[in-house]
Amino acid sequence: MLEIKKDGYYMLLVSSDDGVKLFLKDKLLINHDGLHGSESPHSFLIPLKKGLYPVSLEYFQKGGGADLRLRYLVPGEKEPIEIPSELLYHPKPDQSK
């Protein structure tokens, strides 16, 4: 889960060596699949309201270098930053099984 602290337009940016897919609320936002080196980031601009959002990042690596970066540009800022770990939450495993 990703916590958004204020309403506004957020730019999500992903760079990778090799394939990567970024989902938000089960919607595919960025699809940069396949074998490739780390290049300029791929981005998606999306309006978000304050709250929690399910986020999923699929990544694979095959040979050569390895790189994966997920950043965002917060409304009102000029440079994208790594998403702070305190804004990312992992669901607790189901203990009933």
PDB file of N, CA and C in Angstrom:
ATOM      1  N   MET A   1       0.849  -1.174   0.000  1.00  0.00           N
ATOM      2  CA  MET A   1       0.000   0.000   0.000  1.00  0.00           C
ATOM      3  C   MET A   1       0.897   1.241   0.000  1.00  0.00           C
ATOM      4  N   LEU A   2       0.449   2.237  -0.722  1.00  0.00           N
ATOM      5  CA  LEU A   2       1.139   3.515  -0.783  1.00  0.00           C
ATOM      6  C   LEU A   2       0.244   4.566  -0.141  1.00  0.00           C
ATOM      7  N   GLU A   3       0.788   5.304   0.811  1.00  0.00           N
ATOM      8  CA  GLU A   3       0.023   6.374   1.452  1.00  0.00           C
ATOM      9  C   GLU A   3       0.289   7.694   0.742  1.00  0.00           C
ATOM     10  N   ILE A   4      -0.792   8.352   0.331  1.00  0.00           N
ATOM     11  CA  ILE A   4      -0.721   9.681  -0.273  1.00  0.00           C
ATOM     12  C   ILE A   4      -1.161  10.676   0.792  1.00  0.00           C
ATOM     13  N   LYS A   5      -0.314  11.669   1.060  1.00  0.00           N
ATOM     14  CA  LYS A   5      -0.555  12.615   2.154  1.00  0.00           C
ATOM     15  C   LYS A   5      -1.391  13.824   1.746  1.00  0.00           C
ATOM     16  N   LYS A   6      -1.379  14.180   0.443  1.00  0.00           N
ATOM     17  CA  LYS A   6      -2.174  15.334   0.006  1.00  0.00           C
ATOM     18  C   LYS A   6      -2.690  15.116  -1.406  1.00  0.00           C
ATOM     19  N   ASP A   7      -3.839  15.724  -1.684  1.00  0.00           N
ATOM     20  CA  ASP A   7      -4.455  15.629  -3.013  1.00  0.00           C
ATOM     21  C   ASP A   7      -3.572  16.319  -4.051  1.00  0.00           C
ATOM     22  N   GLY A   8      -3.612  15.805  -5.276  1.00  0.00           N
ATOM     23  CA  GLY A   8      -2.907  16.461  -6.363  1.00  0.00           C
ATOM     24  C   GLY A   8      -2.485  15.484  -7.436  1.00  0.00           C
ATOM     25  N   TYR A   9      -1.782  16.005  -8.424  1.00  0.00           N
ATOM     26  CA  TYR A   9      -1.261  15.178  -9.513  1.00  0.00           C
ATOM     27  C   TYR A   9       0.124  14.682  -9.130  1.00  0.00           C
ATOM     28  N   TYR A  10       0.291  13.366  -9.193  1.00  0.00           N
ATOM     29  CA  TYR A  10       1.560  12.725  -8.879  1.00  0.00           C
ATOM     30  C   TYR A  10       2.117  12.101 -10.143  1.00  0.00           C
ATOM     31  N   MET A  11       3.428  12.234 -10.337  1.00  0.00           N
ATOM     32  CA  MET A  11       4.081  11.532 -11.429  1.00  0.00           C
ATOM     33  C   MET A  11       4.832  10.355 -10.826  1.00  0.00           C
ATOM     34  N   LEU A  12       4.496   9.147 -11.262  1.00  0.00           N
ATOM     35  CA  LEU A  12       5.188   7.939 -10.841  1.00  0.00           C
ATOM     36  C   LEU A  12       6.214   7.594 -11.908  1.00  0.00           C
ATOM     37  N   LEU A  13       7.445   7.297 -11.484  1.00  0.00           N
ATOM     38  CA  LEU A  13       8.537   7.029 -12.417  1.00  0.00           C
ATOM     39  C   LEU A  13       9.208   5.713 -12.068  1.00  0.00           C
ATOM     40  N   VAL A  14       9.457   4.895 -13.082  1.00  0.00           N
ATOM     41  CA  VAL A  14      10.122   3.604 -12.903  1.00  0.00           C
ATOM     42  C   VAL A  14      11.248   3.497 -13.921  1.00  0.00           C
ATOM     43  N   SER A  15      12.418   3.077 -13.439  1.00  0.00           N
ATOM     44  CA  SER A  15      13.508   2.717 -14.351  1.00  0.00           C
ATOM     45  C   SER A  15      13.992   1.331 -13.935  1.00  0.00           C
ATOM     46  N   SER A  16      14.401   0.536 -14.921  1.00  0.00           N
ATOM     47  CA  SER A  16      14.784  -0.839 -14.615  1.00  0.00           C
ATOM     48  C   SER A  16      15.720  -1.412 -15.664  1.00  0.00           C
ATOM     49  N   ASP A  17      16.424  -2.461 -15.254  1.00  0.00           N
ATOM     50  CA  ASP A  17      17.223  -3.303 -16.130  1.00  0.00           C
ATOM     51  C   ASP A  17      16.871  -4.720 -15.689  1.00  0.00           C
ATOM     52  N   ASP A  18      15.992  -5.313 -16.160  1.00  0.00           N
ATOM     53  CA  ASP A  18      15.220  -5.589 -17.333  1.00  0.00           C
ATOM     54  C   ASP A  18      13.741  -5.197 -17.106  1.00  0.00           C
ATOM     55  N   GLY A  19      12.820  -6.114 -17.337  1.00  0.00           N
ATOM     56  CA  GLY A  19      11.398  -5.776 -17.416  1.00  0.00           C
ATOM     57  C   GLY A  19      10.755  -5.337 -16.117  1.00  0.00           C
ATOM     58  N   VAL A  20       9.784  -4.419 -16.255  1.00  0.00           N
ATOM     59  CA  VAL A  20       9.059  -3.921 -15.092  1.00  0.00           C
ATOM     60  C   VAL A  20       7.637  -3.540 -15.500  1.00  0.00           C
ATOM     61  N   LYS A  21       6.712  -3.772 -14.563  1.00  0.00           N
ATOM     62  CA  LYS A  21       5.327  -3.331 -14.721  1.00  0.00           C
ATOM     63  C   LYS A  21       4.908  -2.709 -13.394  1.00  0.00           C
ATOM     64  N   LEU A  22       4.214  -1.567 -13.467  1.00  0.00           N
ATOM     65  CA  LEU A  22       3.724  -0.876 -12.277  1.00  0.00           C
ATOM     66  C   LEU A  22       2.209  -0.816 -12.324  1.00  0.00           C
ATOM     67  N   PHE A  23       1.581  -1.293 -11.244  1.00  0.00           N
ATOM     68  CA  PHE A  23       0.128  -1.287 -11.107  1.00  0.00           C
ATOM     69  C   PHE A  23      -0.265  -0.418  -9.917  1.00  0.00           C
ATOM     70  N   LEU A  24      -1.370   0.300 -10.049  1.00  0.00           N
ATOM     71  CA  LEU A  24      -1.972   1.043  -8.949  1.00  0.00           C
ATOM     72  C   LEU A  24      -3.454   0.706  -8.952  1.00  0.00           C
ATOM     73  N   LYS A  25      -3.940   0.170  -7.829  1.00  0.00           N
ATOM     74  CA  LYS A  25      -5.332  -0.282  -7.733  1.00  0.00           C
ATOM     75  C   LYS A  25      -5.670  -1.240  -8.880  1.00  0.00           C
ATOM     76  N   ASP A  26      -4.800  -2.197  -9.148  1.00  0.00           N
ATOM     77  CA  ASP A  26      -4.975  -3.213 -10.192  1.00  0.00           C
ATOM     78  C   ASP A  26      -5.011  -2.653 -11.607  1.00  0.00           C
ATOM     79  N   LYS A  27      -4.681  -1.389 -11.785  1.00  0.00           N
ATOM     80  CA  LYS A  27      -4.622  -0.794 -13.128  1.00  0.00           C
ATOM     81  C   LYS A  27      -3.153  -0.703 -13.547  1.00  0.00           C
ATOM     82  N   LEU A  28      -2.838  -1.256 -14.716  1.00  0.00           N
ATOM     83  CA  LEU A  28      -1.483  -1.188 -15.240  1.00  0.00           C
ATOM     84  C   LEU A  28      -1.187   0.249 -15.684  1.00  0.00           C
ATOM     85  N   LEU A  29      -0.207   0.871 -15.020  1.00  0.00           N
ATOM     86  CA  LEU A  29       0.164   2.249 -15.361  1.00  0.00           C
ATOM     87  C   LEU A  29       1.391   2.301 -16.264  1.00  0.00           C
ATOM     88  N   ILE A  30       2.366   1.462 -15.965  1.00  0.00           N
ATOM     89  CA  ILE A  30       3.611   1.448 -16.743  1.00  0.00           C
ATOM     90  C   ILE A  30       3.938   0.013 -17.109  1.00  0.00           C
ATOM     91  N   ASN A  31       4.165  -0.225 -18.392  1.00  0.00           N
ATOM     92  CA  ASN A  31       4.554  -1.547 -18.880  1.00  0.00           C
ATOM     93  C   ASN A  31       5.822  -1.381 -19.708  1.00  0.00           C
ATOM     94  N   HIS A  32       6.956  -1.693 -19.099  1.00  0.00           N
ATOM     95  CA  HIS A  32       8.232  -1.635 -19.814  1.00  0.00           C
ATOM     96  C   HIS A  32       8.889  -3.013 -19.680  1.00  0.00           C
ATOM     97  N   ASP A  33       8.196  -3.984 -20.258  1.00  0.00           N
ATOM     98  CA  ASP A  33       8.608  -5.378 -20.170  1.00  0.00           C
ATOM     99  C   ASP A  33       9.739  -5.655 -21.143  1.00  0.00           C
ATOM    100  N   GLY A  34      10.338  -6.810 -21.018  1.00  0.00           N
ATOM    101  CA  GLY A  34      11.348  -7.250 -21.968  1.00  0.00           C
ATOM    102  C   GLY A  34      12.768  -7.053 -21.457  1.00  0.00           C
ATOM    103  N   LEU A  35      13.717  -7.487 -22.301  1.00  0.00           N
ATOM    104  CA  LEU A  35      15.134  -7.368 -21.966  1.00  0.00           C
ATOM    105  C   LEU A  35      15.648  -6.013 -22.427  1.00  0.00           C
ATOM    106  N   HIS A  36      16.211  -5.249 -21.520  1.00  0.00           N
ATOM    107  CA  HIS A  36      16.775  -3.943 -21.857  1.00  0.00           C
ATOM    108  C   HIS A  36      17.641  -3.450 -20.708  1.00  0.00           C
ATOM    109  N   GLY A  37      18.493  -2.510 -21.003  1.00  0.00           N
ATOM    110  CA  GLY A  37      19.308  -1.879 -19.977  1.00  0.00           C
ATOM    111  C   GLY A  37      18.519  -0.788 -19.268  1.00  0.00           C
ATOM    112  N   SER A  38      19.098  -0.296 -18.189  1.00  0.00           N
ATOM    113  CA  SER A  38      18.465   0.794 -17.453  1.00  0.00           C
ATOM    114  C   SER A  38      18.558   2.051 -18.305  1.00  0.00           C
ATOM    115  N   GLU A  39      17.412   2.669 -18.530  1.00  0.00           N
ATOM    116  CA  GLU A  39      17.341   3.818 -19.427  1.00  0.00           C
ATOM    117  C   GLU A  39      16.644   4.951 -18.707  1.00  0.00           C
ATOM    118  N   SER A  40      16.278   5.956 -19.445  1.00  0.00           N
ATOM    119  CA  SER A  40      15.480   7.035 -18.873  1.00  0.00           C
ATOM    120  C   SER A  40      14.218   6.441 -18.264  1.00  0.00           C
ATOM    121  N   PRO A  41      13.764   6.985 -17.145  1.00  0.00           N
ATOM    122  CA  PRO A  41      12.585   6.410 -16.494  1.00  0.00           C
ATOM    123  C   PRO A  41      11.327   6.551 -17.342  1.00  0.00           C
ATOM    124  N   HIS A  42      10.441   5.592 -17.177  1.00  0.00           N
ATOM    125  CA  HIS A  42       9.109   5.658 -17.771  1.00  0.00           C
ATOM    126  C   HIS A  42       8.200   6.253 -16.707  1.00  0.00           C
ATOM    127  N   SER A  43       7.246   7.088 -17.112  1.00  0.00           N
ATOM    128  CA  SER A  43       6.455   7.808 -16.121  1.00  0.00           C
ATOM    129  C   SER A  43       4.966   7.775 -16.449  1.00  0.00           C
ATOM    130  N   PHE A  44       4.178   8.071 -15.420  1.00  0.00           N
ATOM    131  CA  PHE A  44       2.729   8.143 -15.554  1.00  0.00           C
ATOM    132  C   PHE A  44       2.240   9.226 -14.609  1.00  0.00           C
ATOM    133  N   LEU A  45       1.467  10.177 -15.124  1.00  0.00           N
ATOM    134  CA  LEU A  45       0.901  11.262 -14.329  1.00  0.00           C
ATOM    135  C   LEU A  45      -0.530  10.895 -13.959  1.00  0.00           C
ATOM    136  N   ILE A  46      -0.849  10.972 -12.655  1.00  0.00           N
ATOM    137  CA  ILE A  46      -2.163  10.533 -12.195  1.00  0.00           C
ATOM    138  C   ILE A  46      -2.644  11.422 -11.045  1.00  0.00           C
ATOM    139  N   PRO A  47      -3.933  11.809 -11.077  1.00  0.00           N
ATOM    140  CA  PRO A  47      -4.477  12.565  -9.944  1.00  0.00           C
ATOM    141  C   PRO A  47      -4.796  11.597  -8.799  1.00  0.00           C
ATOM    142  N   LEU A  48      -4.335  11.925  -7.603  1.00  0.00           N
ATOM    143  CA  LEU A  48      -4.587  11.080  -6.434  1.00  0.00           C
ATOM    144  C   LEU A  48      -5.124  11.937  -5.293  1.00  0.00           C
ATOM    145  N   LYS A  49      -5.996  11.350  -4.516  1.00  0.00           N
ATOM    146  CA  LYS A  49      -6.519  11.991  -3.320  1.00  0.00           C
ATOM    147  C   LYS A  49      -5.835  11.375  -2.105  1.00  0.00           C
ATOM    148  N   LYS A  50      -5.822  12.100  -1.021  1.00  0.00           N
ATOM    149  CA  LYS A  50      -5.225  11.632   0.218  1.00  0.00           C
ATOM    150  C   LYS A  50      -5.816  10.271   0.588  1.00  0.00           C
ATOM    151  N   GLY A  51      -4.946   9.311   0.953  1.00  0.00           N
ATOM    152  CA  GLY A  51      -5.417   7.995   1.344  1.00  0.00           C
ATOM    153  C   GLY A  51      -4.415   6.909   1.012  1.00  0.00           C
ATOM    154  N   LEU A  52      -4.847   5.666   1.130  1.00  0.00           N
ATOM    155  CA  LEU A  52      -4.020   4.490   0.851  1.00  0.00           C
ATOM    156  C   LEU A  52      -4.410   3.875  -0.490  1.00  0.00           C
ATOM    157  N   TYR A  53      -3.396   3.475  -1.261  1.00  0.00           N
ATOM    158  CA  TYR A  53      -3.604   2.879  -2.577  1.00  0.00           C
ATOM    159  C   TYR A  53      -2.814   1.578  -2.694  1.00  0.00           C
ATOM    160  N   PRO A  54      -3.467   0.501  -3.162  1.00  0.00           N
ATOM    161  CA  PRO A  54      -2.714  -0.721  -3.432  1.00  0.00           C
ATOM    162  C   PRO A  54      -1.761  -0.484  -4.607  1.00  0.00           C
ATOM    163  N   VAL A  55      -0.515  -0.835  -4.412  1.00  0.00           N
ATOM    164  CA  VAL A  55       0.492  -0.669  -5.461  1.00  0.00           C
ATOM    165  C   VAL A  55       1.246  -1.989  -5.612  1.00  0.00           C
ATOM    166  N   SER A  56       1.562  -2.333  -6.864  1.00  0.00           N
ATOM    167  CA  SER A  56       2.294  -3.558  -7.136  1.00  0.00           C
ATOM    168  C   SER A  56       3.334  -3.277  -8.209  1.00  0.00           C
ATOM    169  N   LEU A  57       4.521  -3.799  -7.989  1.00  0.00           N
ATOM    170  CA  LEU A  57       5.617  -3.625  -8.929  1.00  0.00           C
ATOM    171  C   LEU A  57       6.127  -5.010  -9.302  1.00  0.00           C
ATOM    172  N   GLU A  58       6.032  -5.371 -10.587  1.00  0.00           N
ATOM    173  CA  GLU A  58       6.544  -6.649 -11.073  1.00  0.00           C
ATOM    174  C   GLU A  58       7.852  -6.381 -11.801  1.00  0.00           C
ATOM    175  N   TYR A  59       8.852  -7.189 -11.503  1.00  0.00           N
ATOM    176  CA  TYR A  59      10.184  -6.966 -12.060  1.00  0.00           C
ATOM    177  C   TYR A  59      10.855  -8.306 -12.325  1.00  0.00           C
ATOM    178  N   PHE A  60      11.618  -8.379 -13.411  1.00  0.00           N
ATOM    179  CA  PHE A  60      12.460  -9.548 -13.613  1.00  0.00           C
ATOM    180  C   PHE A  60      13.820  -9.116 -14.127  1.00  0.00           C
ATOM    181  N   GLN A  61      14.814  -9.953 -13.874  1.00  0.00           N
ATOM    182  CA  GLN A  61      16.189  -9.688 -14.266  1.00  0.00           C
ATOM    183  C   GLN A  61      16.741 -10.914 -14.972  1.00  0.00           C
ATOM    184  N   LYS A  62      17.394 -10.691 -16.115  1.00  0.00           N
ATOM    185  CA  LYS A  62      18.031 -11.795 -16.832  1.00  0.00           C
ATOM    186  C   LYS A  62      19.375 -11.321 -17.360  1.00  0.00           C
ATOM    187  N   GLY A  63      20.424 -11.778 -16.743  1.00  0.00           N
ATOM    188  CA  GLY A  63      21.781 -11.488 -17.200  1.00  0.00           C
ATOM    189  C   GLY A  63      22.150 -10.011 -17.125  1.00  0.00           C
ATOM    190  N   GLY A  64      23.437  -9.747 -17.202  1.00  0.00           N
ATOM    191  CA  GLY A  64      23.915  -8.371 -17.190  1.00  0.00           C
ATOM    192  C   GLY A  64      23.630  -7.667 -15.871  1.00  0.00           C
ATOM    193  N   GLY A  65      23.575  -6.353 -15.938  1.00  0.00           N
ATOM    194  CA  GLY A  65      23.345  -5.553 -14.740  1.00  0.00           C
ATOM    195  C   GLY A  65      21.919  -5.666 -14.239  1.00  0.00           C
ATOM    196  N   ALA A  66      21.726  -5.259 -13.002  1.00  0.00           N
ATOM    197  CA  ALA A  66      20.388  -5.266 -12.393  1.00  0.00           C
ATOM    198  C   ALA A  66      20.113  -3.876 -11.824  1.00  0.00           C
ATOM    199  N   ASP A  67      18.920  -3.370 -12.076  1.00  0.00           N
ATOM    200  CA  ASP A  67      18.562  -2.046 -11.573  1.00  0.00           C
ATOM    201  C   ASP A  67      17.050  -1.939 -11.505  1.00  0.00           C
ATOM    202  N   LEU A  68      16.545  -1.366 -10.420  1.00  0.00           N
ATOM    203  CA  LEU A  68      15.114  -1.094 -10.281  1.00  0.00           C
ATOM    204  C   LEU A  68      14.961   0.120  -9.391  1.00  0.00           C
ATOM    205  N   ARG A  69      14.278   1.144  -9.903  1.00  0.00           N
ATOM    206  CA  ARG A  69      14.038   2.364  -9.128  1.00  0.00           C
ATOM    207  C   ARG A  69      12.592   2.793  -9.313  1.00  0.00           C
ATOM    208  N   LEU A  70      11.927   3.050  -8.177  1.00  0.00           N
ATOM    209  CA  LEU A  70      10.566   3.586  -8.180  1.00  0.00           C
ATOM    210  C   LEU A  70      10.613   4.915  -7.460  1.00  0.00           C
ATOM    211  N   ARG A  71      10.218   5.971  -8.151  1.00  0.00           N
ATOM    212  CA  ARG A  71      10.221   7.315  -7.574  1.00  0.00           C
ATOM    213  C   ARG A  71       8.884   7.981  -7.859  1.00  0.00           C
ATOM    214  N   TYR A  72       8.659   9.115  -7.199  1.00  0.00           N
ATOM    215  CA  TYR A  72       7.484   9.902  -7.528  1.00  0.00           C
ATOM    216  C   TYR A  72       7.796  11.383  -7.397  1.00  0.00           C
ATOM    217  N   LEU A  73       7.017  12.166  -8.130  1.00  0.00           N
ATOM    218  CA  LEU A  73       7.105  13.613  -8.066  1.00  0.00           C
ATOM    219  C   LEU A  73       5.860  14.093  -7.337  1.00  0.00           C
ATOM    220  N   VAL A  74       6.084  14.673  -6.165  1.00  0.00           N
ATOM    221  CA  VAL A  74       5.008  15.141  -5.299  1.00  0.00           C
ATOM    222  C   VAL A  74       4.509  16.492  -5.808  1.00  0.00           C
ATOM    223  N   PRO A  75       3.191  16.742  -5.737  1.00  0.00           N
ATOM    224  CA  PRO A  75       2.669  18.044  -6.169  1.00  0.00           C
ATOM    225  C   PRO A  75       3.400  19.197  -5.477  1.00  0.00           C
ATOM    226  N   GLY A  76       3.803  20.173  -6.271  1.00  0.00           N
ATOM    227  CA  GLY A  76       4.492  21.346  -5.744  1.00  0.00           C
ATOM    228  C   GLY A  76       6.005  21.224  -5.701  1.00  0.00           C
ATOM    229  N   GLU A  77       6.541  20.032  -5.941  1.00  0.00           N
ATOM    230  CA  GLU A  77       7.996  19.833  -5.941  1.00  0.00           C
ATOM    231  C   GLU A  77       8.528  19.861  -7.363  1.00  0.00           C
ATOM    232  N   LYS A  78       9.854  20.032  -7.496  1.00  0.00           N
ATOM    233  CA  LYS A  78      10.448  20.138  -8.822  1.00  0.00           C
ATOM    234  C   LYS A  78      11.207  18.895  -9.251  1.00  0.00           C
ATOM    235  N   GLU A  79      11.617  18.058  -8.290  1.00  0.00           N
ATOM    236  CA  GLU A  79      12.404  16.867  -8.599  1.00  0.00           C
ATOM    237  C   GLU A  79      11.746  15.625  -8.006  1.00  0.00           C
ATOM    238  N   PRO A  80      11.738  14.521  -8.754  1.00  0.00           N
ATOM    239  CA  PRO A  80      11.209  13.278  -8.194  1.00  0.00           C
ATOM    240  C   PRO A  80      12.132  12.732  -7.104  1.00  0.00           C
ATOM    241  N   ILE A  81      11.542  12.002  -6.155  1.00  0.00           N
ATOM    242  CA  ILE A  81      12.301  11.403  -5.060  1.00  0.00           C
ATOM    243  C   ILE A  81      11.911   9.932  -4.915  1.00  0.00           C
ATOM    244  N   GLU A  82      12.780   9.174  -4.262  1.00  0.00           N
ATOM    245  CA  GLU A  82      12.437   7.803  -3.885  1.00  0.00           C
ATOM    246  C   GLU A  82      11.245   7.896  -2.941  1.00  0.00           C
ATOM    247  N   ILE A  83      10.300   6.980  -3.064  1.00  0.00           N
ATOM    248  CA  ILE A  83       9.144   6.992  -2.172  1.00  0.00           C
ATOM    249  C   ILE A  83       9.628   6.612  -0.778  1.00  0.00           C
ATOM    250  N   PRO A  84       9.401   7.475   0.223  1.00  0.00           N
ATOM    251  CA  PRO A  84       9.876   7.175   1.583  1.00  0.00           C
ATOM    252  C   PRO A  84       9.263   5.883   2.117  1.00  0.00           C
ATOM    253  N   SER A  85      10.076   5.077   2.786  1.00  0.00           N
ATOM    254  CA  SER A  85       9.613   3.780   3.286  1.00  0.00           C
ATOM    255  C   SER A  85       8.464   3.921   4.272  1.00  0.00           C
ATOM    256  N   GLU A  86       8.381   5.043   4.978  1.00  0.00           N
ATOM    257  CA  GLU A  86       7.283   5.224   5.933  1.00  0.00           C
ATOM    258  C   GLU A  86       5.932   5.448   5.250  1.00  0.00           C
ATOM    259  N   LEU A  87       5.926   5.608   3.928  1.00  0.00           N
ATOM    260  CA  LEU A  87       4.675   5.754   3.183  1.00  0.00           C
ATOM    261  C   LEU A  87       4.282   4.468   2.464  1.00  0.00           C
ATOM    262  N   LEU A  88       5.052   3.397   2.662  1.00  0.00           N
ATOM    263  CA  LEU A  88       4.759   2.101   2.049  1.00  0.00           C
ATOM    264  C   LEU A  88       4.397   1.110   3.147  1.00  0.00           C
ATOM    265  N   TYR A  89       3.283   0.412   2.964  1.00  0.00           N
ATOM    266  CA  TYR A  89       2.785  -0.531   3.955  1.00  0.00           C
ATOM    267  C   TYR A  89       2.590  -1.897   3.296  1.00  0.00           C
ATOM    268  N   HIS A  90       2.889  -2.941   4.051  1.00  0.00           N
ATOM    269  CA  HIS A  90       2.701  -4.314   3.574  1.00  0.00           C
ATOM    270  C   HIS A  90       1.569  -4.935   4.377  1.00  0.00           C
ATOM    271  N   PRO A  91       0.606  -5.571   3.697  1.00  0.00           N
ATOM    272  CA  PRO A  91      -0.477  -6.219   4.433  1.00  0.00           C
ATOM    273  C   PRO A  91       0.064  -7.369   5.281  1.00  0.00           C
ATOM    274  N   LYS A  92      -0.544  -7.573   6.439  1.00  0.00           N
ATOM    275  CA  LYS A  92      -0.150  -8.683   7.299  1.00  0.00           C
ATOM    276  C   LYS A  92      -0.626  -9.984   6.678  1.00  0.00           C
ATOM    277  N   PRO A  93       0.187 -11.045   6.805  1.00  0.00           N
ATOM    278  CA  PRO A  93      -0.246 -12.340   6.256  1.00  0.00           C
ATOM    279  C   PRO A  93      -1.501 -12.840   6.955  1.00  0.00           C
ATOM    280  N   ASP A  94      -2.295 -13.600   6.230  1.00  0.00           N
ATOM    281  CA  ASP A  94      -3.520 -14.178   6.783  1.00  0.00           C
ATOM    282  C   ASP A  94      -3.136 -15.272   7.781  1.00  0.00           C
ATOM    283  N   GLN A  95      -3.432 -15.052   9.050  1.00  0.00           N
ATOM    284  CA  GLN A  95      -3.053 -15.972  10.115  1.00  0.00           C
ATOM    285  C   GLN A  95      -4.063 -17.110  10.298  1.00  0.00           C
ATOM    286  N   SER A  96      -5.198 -17.067   9.571  1.00  0.00           N
ATOM    287  CA  SER A  96      -6.236 -18.064   9.773  1.00  0.00           C
ATOM    288  C   SER A  96      -5.958 -19.385   9.063  1.00  0.00           C
ATOM    289  N   LYS A  97      -4.931 -19.446   8.250  1.00  0.00           N
ATOM    290  CA  LYS A  97      -4.631 -20.668   7.496  1.00  0.00           C
ATOM    291  C   LYS A  97      -3.646 -21.547   8.218  1.00  0.00           C
TER     292      LYS A  97
END
